[in-house]
C-alpha atoms as a PDB file:
ATOM      1  CA  MET A   1       3.223  -3.181   0.576  1.00  0.00           C
ATOM      2  CA  CYS A   2       2.534   0.527   1.238  1.00  0.00           C
ATOM      3  CA  ARG A   3       3.345   4.120  -0.460  1.00  0.00           C
ATOM      4  CA  LEU A   4       5.264   6.433   1.327  1.00  0.00           C
ATOM      5  CA  LEU A   5       6.240  10.520   0.964  1.00  0.00           C
ATOM      6  CA  GLY A   6       8.302  12.769   2.744  1.00  0.00           C
ATOM      7  CA  TYR A   7       9.082  16.489   2.404  1.00  0.00           C
ATOM      8  CA  LEU A   8      12.077  18.981   3.625  1.00  0.00           C
ATOM      9  CA  GLY A   9      12.263  22.747   2.895  1.00  0.00           C
ATOM     10  CA  GLN A  10      10.526  25.737   2.575  1.00  0.00           C
ATOM     11  CA  PRO A  11       7.303  25.645   4.166  1.00  0.00           C
ATOM     12  CA  LEU A  12       4.779  23.864   1.577  1.00  0.00           C
ATOM     13  CA  ARG A  13       1.053  22.874   1.962  1.00  0.00           C
ATOM     14  CA  PRO A  14       1.020  19.015   1.762  1.00  0.00           C
ATOM     15  CA  GLU A  15      -1.973  19.131  -0.382  1.00  0.00           C
ATOM     16  CA  GLN A  16       0.968  20.172  -3.182  1.00  0.00           C
ATOM     17  CA  LEU A  17       2.029  16.970  -2.903  1.00  0.00           C
ATOM     18  CA  ILE A  18      -0.993  14.562  -1.736  1.00  0.00           C
ATOM     19  CA  TYR A  19      -3.444  16.090  -4.088  1.00  0.00           C
ATOM     20  CA  ARG A  20      -2.216  17.953  -6.757  1.00  0.00           C
ATOM     21  CA  PRO A  21       0.961  16.054  -9.321  1.00  0.00           C
ATOM     22  CA  GLU A  22      -0.443  13.805 -11.715  1.00  0.00           C
ATOM     23  CA  HIS A  23       0.977  11.169 -10.079  1.00  0.00           C
ATOM     24  CA  SER A  24       0.270  12.049  -6.398  1.00  0.00           C
ATOM     25  CA  LEU A  25      -0.573   9.889  -3.521  1.00  0.00           C
ATOM     26  CA  ILE A  26      -4.152   9.777  -3.926  1.00  0.00           C
ATOM     27  CA  VAL A  27      -3.685   8.447  -7.077  1.00  0.00           C
ATOM     28  CA  GLN A  28      -0.945   6.353  -5.743  1.00  0.00           C
ATOM     29  CA  SER A  29      -2.880   4.231  -3.414  1.00  0.00           C
ATOM     30  CA  TYR A  30      -5.987   2.872  -6.171  1.00  0.00           C
ATOM     31  CA  GLN A  31      -2.802   3.056  -8.767  1.00  0.00           C
ATOM     32  CA  PRO A  32       0.422   2.585  -7.710  1.00  0.00           C
ATOM     33  CA  GLN A  33       2.973   1.456 -10.472  1.00  0.00           C
ATOM     34  CA  GLU A  34       5.804  -0.320  -9.016  1.00  0.00           C
ATOM     35  CA  MET A  35       4.538  -1.624  -6.017  1.00  0.00           C
ATOM     36  CA  THR A  36       5.762  -5.747  -5.349  1.00  0.00           C
ATOM     37  CA  ALA A  37       3.031  -6.870  -3.329  1.00  0.00           C
ATOM     38  CA  GLY A  38      -0.819  -5.643  -3.342  1.00  0.00           C
ATOM     39  CA  LEU A  39      -3.011  -3.705  -5.491  1.00  0.00           C
ATOM     40  CA  LEU A  40      -4.287  -1.098  -3.918  1.00  0.00           C
ATOM     41  CA  ASN A  41      -3.112   1.137  -0.824  1.00  0.00           C
ATOM     42  CA  ALA A  42      -7.011   0.987   0.653  1.00  0.00           C
ATOM     43  CA  ASP A  43      -5.772   0.296   4.272  1.00  0.00           C
ATOM     44  CA  GLY A  44      -5.741   3.843   5.842  1.00  0.00           C
ATOM     45  CA  PHE A  45      -3.436   6.544   5.889  1.00  0.00           C
ATOM     46  CA  GLY A  46      -1.623   8.853   7.925  1.00  0.00           C
ATOM     47  CA  LEU A  47      -0.004  12.160   7.765  1.00  0.00           C
ATOM     48  CA  GLY A  48       2.339  13.835  10.494  1.00  0.00           C
ATOM     49  CA  TRP A  49       4.068  17.087  10.374  1.00  0.00           C
ATOM     50  CA  PHE A  50       6.383  19.802  12.214  1.00  0.00           C
ATOM     51  CA  ASP A  51       4.810  23.433  12.724  1.00  0.00           C
ATOM     52  CA  GLN A  52       6.762  26.147  11.670  1.00  0.00           C
ATOM     53  CA  GLY A  53       7.469  27.221  15.378  1.00  0.00           C
ATOM     54  CA  HIS A  54       9.437  24.493  15.642  1.00  0.00           C
ATOM     55  CA  GLN A  55       7.634  22.562  18.647  1.00  0.00           C
ATOM     56  CA  PRO A  56       9.160  19.577  19.186  1.00  0.00           C
ATOM     57  CA  SER A  57       7.072  17.383  19.158  1.00  0.00           C
ATOM     58  CA  PRO A  58       4.905  16.693  15.700  1.00  0.00           C
ATOM     59  CA  TYR A  59       0.987  16.349  14.966  1.00  0.00           C
ATOM     60  CA  LEU A  60      -0.795  13.423  13.443  1.00  0.00           C
ATOM     61  CA  TYR A  61      -3.050  12.763  11.409  1.00  0.00           C
ATOM     62  CA  LYS A  62      -4.888   9.024  10.719  1.00  0.00           C
ATOM     63  CA  ASN A  63      -7.640   7.105   9.537  1.00  0.00           C
ATOM     64  CA  VAL A  64      -8.508   3.630   8.717  1.00  0.00           C
ATOM     65  CA  LEU A  65     -10.650   4.600   5.936  1.00  0.00           C
ATOM     66  CA  PRO A  66      -8.955   4.763   2.146  1.00  0.00           C
ATOM     67  CA  ILE A  67      -7.580   8.091   1.563  1.00  0.00           C
ATOM     68  CA  TRP A  68      -9.789   8.711  -1.177  1.00  0.00           C
ATOM     69  CA  SER A  69     -12.755   8.603   1.209  1.00  0.00           C
ATOM     70  CA  ASP A  70     -11.287  10.836   3.948  1.00  0.00           C
ATOM     71  CA  ILE A  71     -14.069  14.109   3.327  1.00  0.00           C
ATOM     72  CA  ASN A  72     -11.424  16.211   6.347  1.00  0.00           C
ATOM     73  CA  LEU A  73      -7.977  15.303   4.733  1.00  0.00           C
ATOM     74  CA  PRO A  74      -8.135  17.625   1.734  1.00  0.00           C
ATOM     75  CA  HIS A  75      -9.487  20.835   4.065  1.00  0.00           C
ATOM     76  CA  LEU A  76      -6.437  19.788   6.594  1.00  0.00           C
ATOM     77  CA  SER A  77      -3.829  19.419   4.170  1.00  0.00           C
ATOM     78  CA  ARG A  78      -4.344  22.806   2.599  1.00  0.00           C
ATOM     79  CA  TYR A  79      -4.386  24.461   5.995  1.00  0.00           C
ATOM     80  CA  ILE A  80      -1.478  23.024   7.538  1.00  0.00           C
ATOM     81  CA  GLN A  81       2.118  24.955   5.760  1.00  0.00           C
ATOM     82  CA  SER A  82       5.421  23.099   6.999  1.00  0.00           C
ATOM     83  CA  SER A  83       8.816  22.679   6.415  1.00  0.00           C
ATOM     84  CA  CYS A  84       9.115  19.320   7.354  1.00  0.00           C
ATOM     85  CA  PHE A  85       6.427  16.546   7.009  1.00  0.00           C
ATOM     86  CA  VAL A  86       5.627  12.570   6.085  1.00  0.00           C
ATOM     87  CA  SER A  87       2.469  10.921   4.487  1.00  0.00           C
ATOM     88  CA  TYR A  88       1.444   6.751   3.867  1.00  0.00           C
ATOM     89  CA  VAL A  89      -1.060   5.319   2.324  1.00  0.00           C
ATOM     90  CA  ARG A  90      -1.702   1.599   3.905  1.00  0.00           C
ATOM     91  CA  SER A  91      -1.696  -1.920   2.344  1.00  0.00           C
ATOM     92  CA  ALA A  92      -2.105  -4.116   5.038  1.00  0.00           C
ATOM     93  CA  THR A  93       0.011  -6.881   5.618  1.00  0.00           C
ATOM     94  CA  PRO A  94      -2.039  -9.960   6.305  1.00  0.00           C
ATOM     95  CA  PRO A  95      -3.278 -10.660   9.084  1.00  0.00           C
ATOM     96  CA  LEU A  96      -1.880  -7.303  11.052  1.00  0.00           C
ATOM     97  CA  ALA A  97      -5.351  -6.031  11.936  1.00  0.00           C
ATOM     98  CA  VAL A  98      -6.768  -2.822   9.691  1.00  0.00           C
ATOM     99  CA  ASP A  99      -7.327   0.011  13.010  1.00  0.00           C
ATOM    100  CA  LEU A 100      -5.894   3.279  14.486  1.00  0.00           C
ATOM    101  CA  THR A 101      -3.291   1.454  16.922  1.00  0.00           C
ATOM    102  CA  ASN A 102      -1.329  -0.370  13.498  1.00  0.00           C
ATOM    103  CA  CYS A 103      -1.789   3.262  11.234  1.00  0.00           C
ATOM    104  CA  GLN A 104       1.452   4.938  10.624  1.00  0.00           C
ATOM    105  CA  PRO A 105       3.115   7.739  11.142  1.00  0.00           C
ATOM    106  CA  PHE A 106       4.246   6.501  14.671  1.00  0.00           C
ATOM    107  CA  THR A 107       5.444   8.997  16.898  1.00  0.00           C
ATOM    108  CA  GLU A 108       8.468   8.935  19.948  1.00  0.00           C
ATOM    109  CA  GLU A 109      10.824  11.365  21.195  1.00  0.00           C
ATOM    110  CA  GLY A 110      10.120  13.934  18.977  1.00  0.00           C
ATOM    111  CA  LEU A 111      10.420  11.350  15.438  1.00  0.00           C
ATOM    112  CA  LEU A 112       7.864  10.663  12.761  1.00  0.00           C
ATOM    113  CA  PHE A 113       8.467   7.377  11.017  1.00  0.00           C
ATOM    114  CA  VAL A 114       6.796   5.565   8.723  1.00  0.00           C
ATOM    115  CA  HIS A 115       7.636   2.278   6.966  1.00  0.00           C
ATOM    116  CA  ASN A 116       7.151   0.708   3.834  1.00  0.00           C
ATOM    117  CA  GLY A 117       7.873  -3.084   3.467  1.00  0.00           C
ATOM    118  CA  PHE A 118       7.246  -6.181   5.753  1.00  0.00           C
ATOM    119  CA  ILE A 119       8.678  -9.066   7.913  1.00  0.00           C
ATOM    120  CA  ASN A 120       7.597 -11.937   6.541  1.00  0.00           C
ATOM    121  CA  ASN A 121       5.642 -14.222   8.929  1.00  0.00           C
ATOM    122  CA  PHE A 122       6.190 -12.259  11.568  1.00  0.00           C
ATOM    123  CA  ARG A 123       4.156 -13.165  14.133  1.00  0.00           C
ATOM    124  CA  THR A 124       5.848 -16.659  14.181  1.00  0.00           C
ATOM    125  CA  THR A 125       9.384 -15.718  12.796  1.00  0.00           C
ATOM    126  CA  LEU A 126      10.713 -11.792  14.617  1.00  0.00           C
ATOM    127  CA  TYR A 127       8.047 -11.086  16.438  1.00  0.00           C
ATOM    128  CA  ARG A 128       9.259 -12.747  20.196  1.00  0.00           C
ATOM    129  CA  PRO A 129      13.384 -12.223  18.973  1.00  0.00           C
ATOM    130  CA  LEU A 130      12.732  -8.440  18.109  1.00  0.00           C
ATOM    131  CA  ARG A 131      11.171  -7.802  21.826  1.00  0.00           C
ATOM    132  CA  ASN A 132      13.372  -9.761  23.576  1.00  0.00           C
ATOM    133  CA  LEU A 133      16.078  -7.157  22.315  1.00  0.00           C
ATOM    134  CA  LEU A 134      13.931  -4.305  23.355  1.00  0.00           C
ATOM    135  CA  SER A 135      14.538  -2.402  26.262  1.00  0.00           C
ATOM    136  CA  ASP A 136      11.315  -1.903  28.925  1.00  0.00           C
ATOM    137  CA  ALA A 137      10.643   2.019  27.802  1.00  0.00           C
ATOM    138  CA  SER A 138      10.919   0.797  23.686  1.00  0.00           C
ATOM    139  CA  TYR A 139       8.715  -2.141  24.845  1.00  0.00           C
ATOM    140  CA  GLN A 140       6.054   0.177  26.821  1.00  0.00           C
ATOM    141  CA  PHE A 141       5.972   2.262  23.791  1.00  0.00           C
ATOM    142  CA  ILE A 142       4.444  -0.565  21.109  1.00  0.00           C
ATOM    143  CA  HIS A 143       0.747  -0.156  21.492  1.00  0.00           C
ATOM    144  CA  GLY A 144      -0.434  -1.739  18.444  1.00  0.00           C
ATOM    145  CA  THR A 145       0.596  -5.612  16.464  1.00  0.00           C
ATOM    146  CA  THR A 146       2.702  -4.634  13.044  1.00  0.00           C
ATOM    147  CA  ASP A 147       6.071  -4.986  12.426  1.00  0.00           C
ATOM    148  CA  SER A 148       6.806  -1.602  11.499  1.00  0.00           C
ATOM    149  CA  GLU A 149       6.123  -0.468  14.477  1.00  0.00           C
ATOM    150  CA  HIS A 150       8.371  -3.036  16.757  1.00  0.00           C
ATOM    151  CA  ILE A 151      10.869  -1.823  13.727  1.00  0.00           C
ATOM    152  CA  PHE A 152      10.822   1.660  14.969  1.00  0.00           C
ATOM    153  CA  ALA A 153      10.857   0.483  18.805  1.00  0.00           C
ATOM    154  CA  LEU A 154      14.439  -1.112  17.914  1.00  0.00           C
ATOM    155  CA  ILE A 155      15.409   2.197  16.021  1.00  0.00           C
ATOM    156  CA  LEU A 156      14.540   3.950  19.090  1.00  0.00           C
ATOM    157  CA  ASP A 157      16.328   1.477  21.354  1.00  0.00           C
ATOM    158  CA  ASN A 158      19.637   2.183  19.049  1.00  0.00           C
ATOM    159  CA  LEU A 159      19.098   5.936  18.728  1.00  0.00           C
ATOM    160  CA  ARG A 160      19.379   6.170  22.886  1.00  0.00           C
ATOM    161  CA  ARG A 161      22.235   4.234  22.717  1.00  0.00           C
ATOM    162  CA  SER A 162      24.134   5.834  20.392  1.00  0.00           C
ATOM    163  CA  ARG A 163      22.842   9.427  21.677  1.00  0.00           C
ATOM    164  CA  GLN A 164      24.459   8.023  25.514  1.00  0.00           C
ATOM    165  CA  ALA A 165      27.821   7.409  23.415  1.00  0.00           C
ATOM    166  CA  SER A 166      27.900  10.612  22.090  1.00  0.00           C
ATOM    167  CA  GLN A 167      26.722  13.154  25.488  1.00  0.00           C
ATOM    168  CA  GLY A 168      28.349  15.853  25.559  1.00  0.00           C
ATOM    169  CA  ASP A 169      28.889  16.692  21.738  1.00  0.00           C
ATOM    170  CA  GLY A 170      25.744  19.087  21.666  1.00  0.00           C
ATOM    171  CA  ASP A 171      22.880  18.777  18.640  1.00  0.00           C
ATOM    172  CA  GLY A 172      25.218  17.773  15.753  1.00  0.00           C
ATOM    173  CA  ALA A 173      25.321  14.141  17.733  1.00  0.00           C
ATOM    174  CA  LYS A 174      21.729  13.957  17.813  1.00  0.00           C
ATOM    175  CA  LYS A 175      21.569  14.481  14.142  1.00  0.00           C
ATOM    176  CA  THR A 176      24.326  12.136  13.337  1.00  0.00           C
ATOM    177  CA  SER A 177      23.286   9.288  15.695  1.00  0.00           C
ATOM    178  CA  LEU A 178      19.463   9.319  13.836  1.00  0.00           C
ATOM    179  CA  GLY A 179      21.433   7.441  10.217  1.00  0.00           C
ATOM    180  CA  GLU A 180      23.328   5.510  12.973  1.00  0.00           C
ATOM    181  CA  ALA A 181      20.765   4.358  14.492  1.00  0.00           C
ATOM    182  CA  LEU A 182      18.522   3.333  11.494  1.00  0.00           C
ATOM    183  CA  GLU A 183      21.595   1.353   9.658  1.00  0.00           C
ATOM    184  CA  ALA A 184      22.602  -0.558  13.269  1.00  0.00           C
ATOM    185  CA  SER A 185      18.649  -1.273  13.097  1.00  0.00           C
ATOM    186  CA  LEU A 186      18.702  -2.623   9.593  1.00  0.00           C
ATOM    187  CA  LEU A 187      22.385  -4.628  10.286  1.00  0.00           C
ATOM    188  CA  THR A 188      20.201  -6.163  13.303  1.00  0.00           C
ATOM    189  CA  LEU A 189      16.811  -7.706  11.520  1.00  0.00           C
ATOM    190  CA  ALA A 190      19.013  -8.869   8.644  1.00  0.00           C
ATOM    191  CA  GLU A 191      20.776 -10.942  11.380  1.00  0.00           C
ATOM    192  CA  LEU A 192      17.579 -11.674  13.037  1.00  0.00           C
ATOM    193  CA  ALA A 193      15.869 -12.784   9.594  1.00  0.00           C
ATOM    194  CA  ARG A 194      19.400 -15.131   8.666  1.00  0.00           C
ATOM    195  CA  GLN A 195      18.838 -16.687  12.120  1.00  0.00           C
ATOM    196  CA  HIS A 196      15.024 -17.303  11.915  1.00  0.00           C
ATOM    197  CA  ASN A 197      14.747 -18.932   8.644  1.00  0.00           C
ATOM    198  CA  THR A 198      12.891 -15.213   6.984  1.00  0.00           C
ATOM    199  CA  TYR A 199      12.741 -12.340   5.100  1.00  0.00           C
ATOM    200  CA  PHE A 200      12.042  -8.577   5.375  1.00  0.00           C
ATOM    201  CA  SER A 201      11.900  -5.766   3.378  1.00  0.00           C
ATOM    202  CA  ALA A 202      12.228  -1.935   4.730  1.00  0.00           C
ATOM    203  CA  ASN A 203      11.739   1.483   3.331  1.00  0.00           C
ATOM    204  CA  ILE A 204      11.682   3.700   6.075  1.00  0.00           C
ATOM    205  CA  LEU A 205      11.557   7.750   6.515  1.00  0.00           C
ATOM    206  CA  LEU A 206      12.309   8.871   9.846  1.00  0.00           C
ATOM    207  CA  ALA A 207      11.844  12.962  10.336  1.00  0.00           C
ATOM    208  CA  ASP A 208      12.895  15.269  13.156  1.00  0.00           C
ATOM    209  CA  GLY A 209      11.860  18.310  11.733  1.00  0.00           C
ATOM    210  CA  GLN A 210      15.239  19.121  10.723  1.00  0.00           C
ATOM    211  CA  ARG A 211      16.187  16.535   8.521  1.00  0.00           C
ATOM    212  CA  ILE A 212      14.866  13.389   6.931  1.00  0.00           C
ATOM    213  CA  VAL A 213      17.062  10.348   7.397  1.00  0.00           C
ATOM    214  CA  ALA A 214      15.098   7.454   4.712  1.00  0.00           C
ATOM    215  CA  CYS A 215      16.262   3.781   3.756  1.00  0.00           C
ATOM    216  CA  ARG A 216      15.803   1.927   0.784  1.00  0.00           C
ATOM    217  CA  TYR A 217      16.697  -1.809   2.344  1.00  0.00           C
ATOM    218  CA  ALA A 218      15.453  -5.672   1.774  1.00  0.00           C
ATOM    219  CA  SER A 219      16.693  -8.667   2.630  1.00  0.00           C
ATOM    220  CA  ARG A 220      16.161 -10.224  -0.405  1.00  0.00           C
ATOM    221  CA  GLN A 221      15.242  -8.996  -3.988  1.00  0.00           C
ATOM    222  CA  PRO A 222      13.307  -7.190  -5.433  1.00  0.00           C
ATOM    223  CA  GLU A 223      13.757  -3.750  -2.995  1.00  0.00           C
ATOM    224  CA  PRO A 224      11.000  -1.628  -2.895  1.00  0.00           C
ATOM    225  CA  SER A 225      11.022   1.417  -5.195  1.00  0.00           C
ATOM    226  CA  LEU A 226      11.763   5.048  -3.418  1.00  0.00           C
ATOM    227  CA  TYR A 227      13.027   8.096  -5.338  1.00  0.00           C
ATOM    228  CA  TRP A 228      14.135  11.873  -4.210  1.00  0.00           C
ATOM    229  CA  LEU A 229      14.084  15.135  -6.214  1.00  0.00           C
ATOM    230  CA  ALA A 230      15.960  17.871  -5.018  1.00  0.00           C
ATOM    231  CA  ASP A 231      14.878  21.449  -5.380  1.00  0.00           C
ATOM    232  CA  SER A 232      13.045  21.071  -8.995  1.00  0.00           C
ATOM    233  CA  GLU A 233      10.827  23.829 -10.824  1.00  0.00           C
ATOM    234  CA  ARG A 234       7.657  22.319  -9.040  1.00  0.00           C
ATOM    235  CA  CYS A 235       8.824  22.204  -5.805  1.00  0.00           C
ATOM    236  CA  PRO A 236      11.778  24.950  -5.178  1.00  0.00           C
ATOM    237  CA  GLY A 237      13.824  24.934  -2.384  1.00  0.00           C
ATOM    238  CA  GLY A 238      12.577  21.831  -1.055  1.00  0.00           C
ATOM    239  CA  VAL A 239      13.796  17.973  -1.407  1.00  0.00           C
ATOM    240  CA  ILE A 240      10.801  14.979  -2.472  1.00  0.00           C
ATOM    241  CA  ILE A 241      11.332  11.531  -0.920  1.00  0.00           C
ATOM    242  CA  ALA A 242       8.517   9.056  -2.238  1.00  0.00           C
ATOM    243  CA  SER A 243       7.875   5.401  -3.288  1.00  0.00           C
ATOM    244  CA  GLU A 244       6.903   6.806  -6.748  1.00  0.00           C
ATOM    245  CA  PRO A 245       7.567   9.767  -8.743  1.00  0.00           C
ATOM    246  CA  LEU A 246       4.571  12.476  -8.361  1.00  0.00           C
ATOM    247  CA  PHE A 247       5.147  14.021 -11.548  1.00  0.00           C
ATOM    248  CA  THR A 248       7.375  13.949 -14.827  1.00  0.00           C
ATOM    249  CA  ASP A 249      10.657  15.243 -13.739  1.00  0.00           C
ATOM    250  CA  PRO A 250      14.115  13.951 -15.376  1.00  0.00           C
ATOM    251  CA  GLN A 251      15.526  14.708 -11.738  1.00  0.00           C
ATOM    252  CA  TRP A 252      14.412  12.132 -10.141  1.00  0.00           C
ATOM    253  CA  GLN A 253      17.000   9.959  -8.499  1.00  0.00           C
ATOM    254  CA  ALA A 254      16.133   6.079  -7.644  1.00  0.00           C
ATOM    255  CA  CYS A 255      17.482   5.597  -4.089  1.00  0.00           C
ATOM    256  CA  PRO A 256      20.475   2.549  -4.349  1.00  0.00           C
ATOM    257  CA  PRO A 257      19.281  -0.126  -2.915  1.00  0.00           C
ATOM    258  CA  GLN A 258      20.903  -0.778   0.293  1.00  0.00           C
ATOM    259  CA  SER A 259      21.312   2.546   0.521  1.00  0.00           C
ATOM    260  CA  ILE A 260      20.573   4.982   3.782  1.00  0.00           C
ATOM    261  CA  LEU A 261      19.448   8.379   2.521  1.00  0.00           C
ATOM    262  CA  ALA A 262      19.911  11.586   4.751  1.00  0.00           C
ATOM    263  CA  ILE A 263      18.858  14.715   3.480  1.00  0.00           C
ATOM    264  CA  ASN A 264      19.397  18.033   6.040  1.00  0.00           C
ATOM    265  CA  SER A 265      18.635  20.617   2.647  1.00  0.00           C
ATOM    266  CA  PRO A 266      18.340  20.741  -1.168  1.00  0.00           C
ATOM    267  CA  GLU A 267      22.003  21.310  -0.862  1.00  0.00           C
ATOM    268  CA  ALA A 268      23.118  18.629   1.950  1.00  0.00           C
ATOM    269  CA  ILE A 269      22.155  15.236   0.812  1.00  0.00           C
ATOM    270  CA  ALA A 270      24.222  11.974   1.637  1.00  0.00           C
ATOM    271  CA  VAL A 271      23.702   8.109   0.218  1.00  0.00           C
ATOM    272  CA  LYS A 272      25.722   5.813   1.933  1.00  0.00           C
ATOM    273  CA  VAL A 273      25.307   2.165   0.322  1.00  0.00           C
ATOM    274  CA  LEU A 274      25.337  -0.621   3.247  1.00  0.00           C
ATOM    275  CA  ALA A 275      27.795  -3.513   2.353  1.00  0.00           C
ATOM    276  CA  ASP A 276      26.570  -6.532   1.879  1.00  0.00           C
ATOM    277  CA  GLN A 277      25.532  -8.843   4.692  1.00  0.00           C
END
């Protein structure tokens, strides 16, 4: 199980969340407190961010080293300043390879994607059924072997369908469709898991530079943990989403199980709890 981190708000240097807090992402890589599987997150890491010029394509920095071993990230995370970024530390699900093609975040069509969770026995259960559902464009997008990248491909397909259905509604339709695409993908995964007698968990962060849409979802308990904090004293004007709270603050809120969280700003946060499937 990986550990996730997302930020949206006033421009911030990633080091302020990755390194500085007492329970930062670095600490969560070797001393996580709420993982439901695994002990360490030492199978690589990634950082994805949007620049202040609002370029449509985000930037990535990845490594298969444990995050505490990378000598470049401390400098890079002090140099970058971004109003929207995501990061993660990986605990690879056996037998998936530890290589750069399997390292998140993944990006396509101006989106950043990170996933904490797994599809149980992915190669022998949902690998082929998921691929059979994908359009050719999404199928060709997959370069690695992880369940995470296949889930992102499914979201991309649903996003394209949602955008096509709402053509002519402007940029607002694009933003609305991100949550719709995520929900449709979760429901598809739940149905496939029932059909093929398996289970999955999917804590996901999706960012487009202007908003972050996240979910806490699993087809059986326990669901991986996910929290959010808005406009705190230590991070004014911003929203943090994290697998575990980064520092002590009574305002941290746990995302409800089976929920989707849509964040446009510290003042515009919506939580949708999905019906039991």
